[in-house]
C-alpha atoms as a PDB file:
ATOM      1  CA  MET A   1       0.000   0.000   0.000  1.00  0.00           C
ATOM      2  CA  THR A   2       1.261   3.477  -0.788  1.00  0.00           C
ATOM      3  CA  ILE A   3       0.217   6.530   1.177  1.00  0.00           C
ATOM      4  CA  ALA A   4       0.775  10.152   0.189  1.00  0.00           C
ATOM      5  CA  LEU A   5       1.253  12.485   3.157  1.00  0.00           C
ATOM      6  CA  THR A   6       0.244  16.003   2.227  1.00  0.00           C
ATOM      7  CA  ALA A   7       0.018  17.554   5.705  1.00  0.00           C
ATOM      8  CA  CYS A   8       3.789  17.442   6.092  1.00  0.00           C
ATOM      9  CA  GLY A   9       6.197  19.499   4.033  1.00  0.00           C
ATOM     10  CA  GLU A  10       5.083  21.196   0.864  1.00  0.00           C
ATOM     11  CA  PRO A  11       1.463  20.520  -0.237  1.00  0.00           C
ATOM     12  CA  ASP A  12       2.426  20.493  -3.915  1.00  0.00           C
ATOM     13  CA  ARG A  13       5.083  17.811  -3.260  1.00  0.00           C
ATOM     14  CA  PRO A  14       3.530  15.133  -0.986  1.00  0.00           C
ATOM     15  CA  THR A  15       5.736  12.636   0.813  1.00  0.00           C
ATOM     16  CA  VAL A  16       5.101   9.109  -0.462  1.00  0.00           C
ATOM     17  CA  VAL A  17       5.367   6.296   2.059  1.00  0.00           C
ATOM     18  CA  ALA A  18       5.149   2.544   1.406  1.00  0.00           C
ATOM     19  CA  VAL A  19       3.453   0.431   4.082  1.00  0.00           C
ATOM     20  CA  ASP A  20       3.815  -3.352   4.181  1.00  0.00           C
ATOM     21  CA  THR A  21       0.371  -4.509   5.296  1.00  0.00           C
ATOM     22  CA  LEU A  22       1.720  -7.964   6.133  1.00  0.00           C
ATOM     23  CA  CYS A  23       3.618  -6.324   8.975  1.00  0.00           C
ATOM     24  CA  THR A  24       0.824  -4.018  10.114  1.00  0.00           C
ATOM     25  CA  SER A  25      -2.136  -6.402   9.977  1.00  0.00           C
ATOM     26  CA  THR A  26      -0.682  -9.733  11.128  1.00  0.00           C
ATOM     27  CA  THR A  27       1.180 -11.163  14.091  1.00  0.00           C
ATOM     28  CA  ARG A  28       3.391 -14.213  14.469  1.00  0.00           C
ATOM     29  CA  TYR A  29       1.490 -17.445  14.970  1.00  0.00           C
ATOM     30  CA  HIS A  30       1.782 -18.976  18.452  1.00  0.00           C
ATOM     31  CA  ALA A  31       0.114 -22.322  19.199  1.00  0.00           C
ATOM     32  CA  THR A  32      -2.040 -22.712  22.300  1.00  0.00           C
ATOM     33  CA  GLU A  33      -1.636 -25.642  24.683  1.00  0.00           C
ATOM     34  CA  ASP A  34      -4.790 -27.251  23.261  1.00  0.00           C
ATOM     35  CA  GLN A  35      -3.427 -26.933  19.724  1.00  0.00           C
ATOM     36  CA  ARG A  36      -0.117 -28.509  20.770  1.00  0.00           C
ATOM     37  CA  ALA A  37      -1.995 -31.388  22.397  1.00  0.00           C
ATOM     38  CA  ALA A  38      -4.089 -31.937  19.245  1.00  0.00           C
ATOM     39  CA  PHE A  39      -0.915 -31.961  17.135  1.00  0.00           C
ATOM     40  CA  LYS A  40       0.716 -34.533  19.414  1.00  0.00           C
ATOM     41  CA  ALA A  41      -2.432 -36.693  19.400  1.00  0.00           C
ATOM     42  CA  ASP A  42      -2.772 -36.753  15.590  1.00  0.00           C
ATOM     43  CA  ARG A  43       0.425 -35.494  13.995  1.00  0.00           C
ATOM     44  CA  PRO A  44      -0.320 -36.615  10.391  1.00  0.00           C
ATOM     45  CA  LEU A  45      -3.579 -34.646  10.391  1.00  0.00           C
ATOM     46  CA  TRP A  46      -2.052 -31.385  11.645  1.00  0.00           C
ATOM     47  CA  GLU A  47       1.500 -31.508  10.270  1.00  0.00           C
ATOM     48  CA  VAL A  48       0.760 -29.782   6.939  1.00  0.00           C
ATOM     49  CA  LEU A  49      -0.955 -26.864   8.693  1.00  0.00           C
ATOM     50  CA  VAL A  50       1.800 -26.574  11.299  1.00  0.00           C
ATOM     51  CA  ASN A  51       4.449 -26.525   8.554  1.00  0.00           C
ATOM     52  CA  TRP A  52       2.522 -23.818   6.679  1.00  0.00           C
ATOM     53  CA  LEU A  53       2.244 -21.697   9.836  1.00  0.00           C
ATOM     54  CA  ALA A  54       5.966 -22.105  10.534  1.00  0.00           C
ATOM     55  CA  ALA A  55       6.743 -21.000   6.966  1.00  0.00           C
ATOM     56  CA  PHE A  56       4.415 -18.004   7.406  1.00  0.00           C
ATOM     57  CA  ASN A  57       6.341 -16.996  10.539  1.00  0.00           C
ATOM     58  CA  GLN A  58       9.630 -17.222   8.624  1.00  0.00           C
ATOM     59  CA  VAL A  59       8.374 -15.029   5.766  1.00  0.00           C
ATOM     60  CA  ARG A  60       6.832 -12.527   8.174  1.00  0.00           C
ATOM     61  CA  ASP A  61      10.009 -12.362  10.286  1.00  0.00           C
ATOM     62  CA  ARG A  62      12.179 -11.836   7.202  1.00  0.00           C
ATOM     63  CA  ARG A  63       9.983  -8.970   5.983  1.00  0.00           C
ATOM     64  CA  CYS A  64       8.908  -7.371   9.247  1.00  0.00           C
ATOM     65  CA  LEU A  65      11.814  -7.717  11.662  1.00  0.00           C
ATOM     66  CA  GLN A  66      14.440  -6.078   9.472  1.00  0.00           C
ATOM     67  CA  PRO A  67      15.779  -2.661  10.451  1.00  0.00           C
ATOM     68  CA  SER A  68      14.318   0.277   8.547  1.00  0.00           C
ATOM     69  CA  PRO A  69      16.524   1.628   5.746  1.00  0.00           C
ATOM     70  CA  GLY A  70      18.754   4.380   7.036  1.00  0.00           C
ATOM     71  CA  ASN A  71      18.605   3.243  10.692  1.00  0.00           C
END
């Protein structure tokens, strides 16, 4: 998503800011105790979902936990 900020600086030259909505609208997945117990009770059923969630966390961490450019 791109946002143009016109209240700051010169109105005829807005500041353009890019916002990664993955980082602003999601959080890392953390399993509850009940979910861990269900996984242990029937691993083949839940393993694909657990692997997908772990991959999501990796992608999110790579994109969202990096320092901002210039910092």
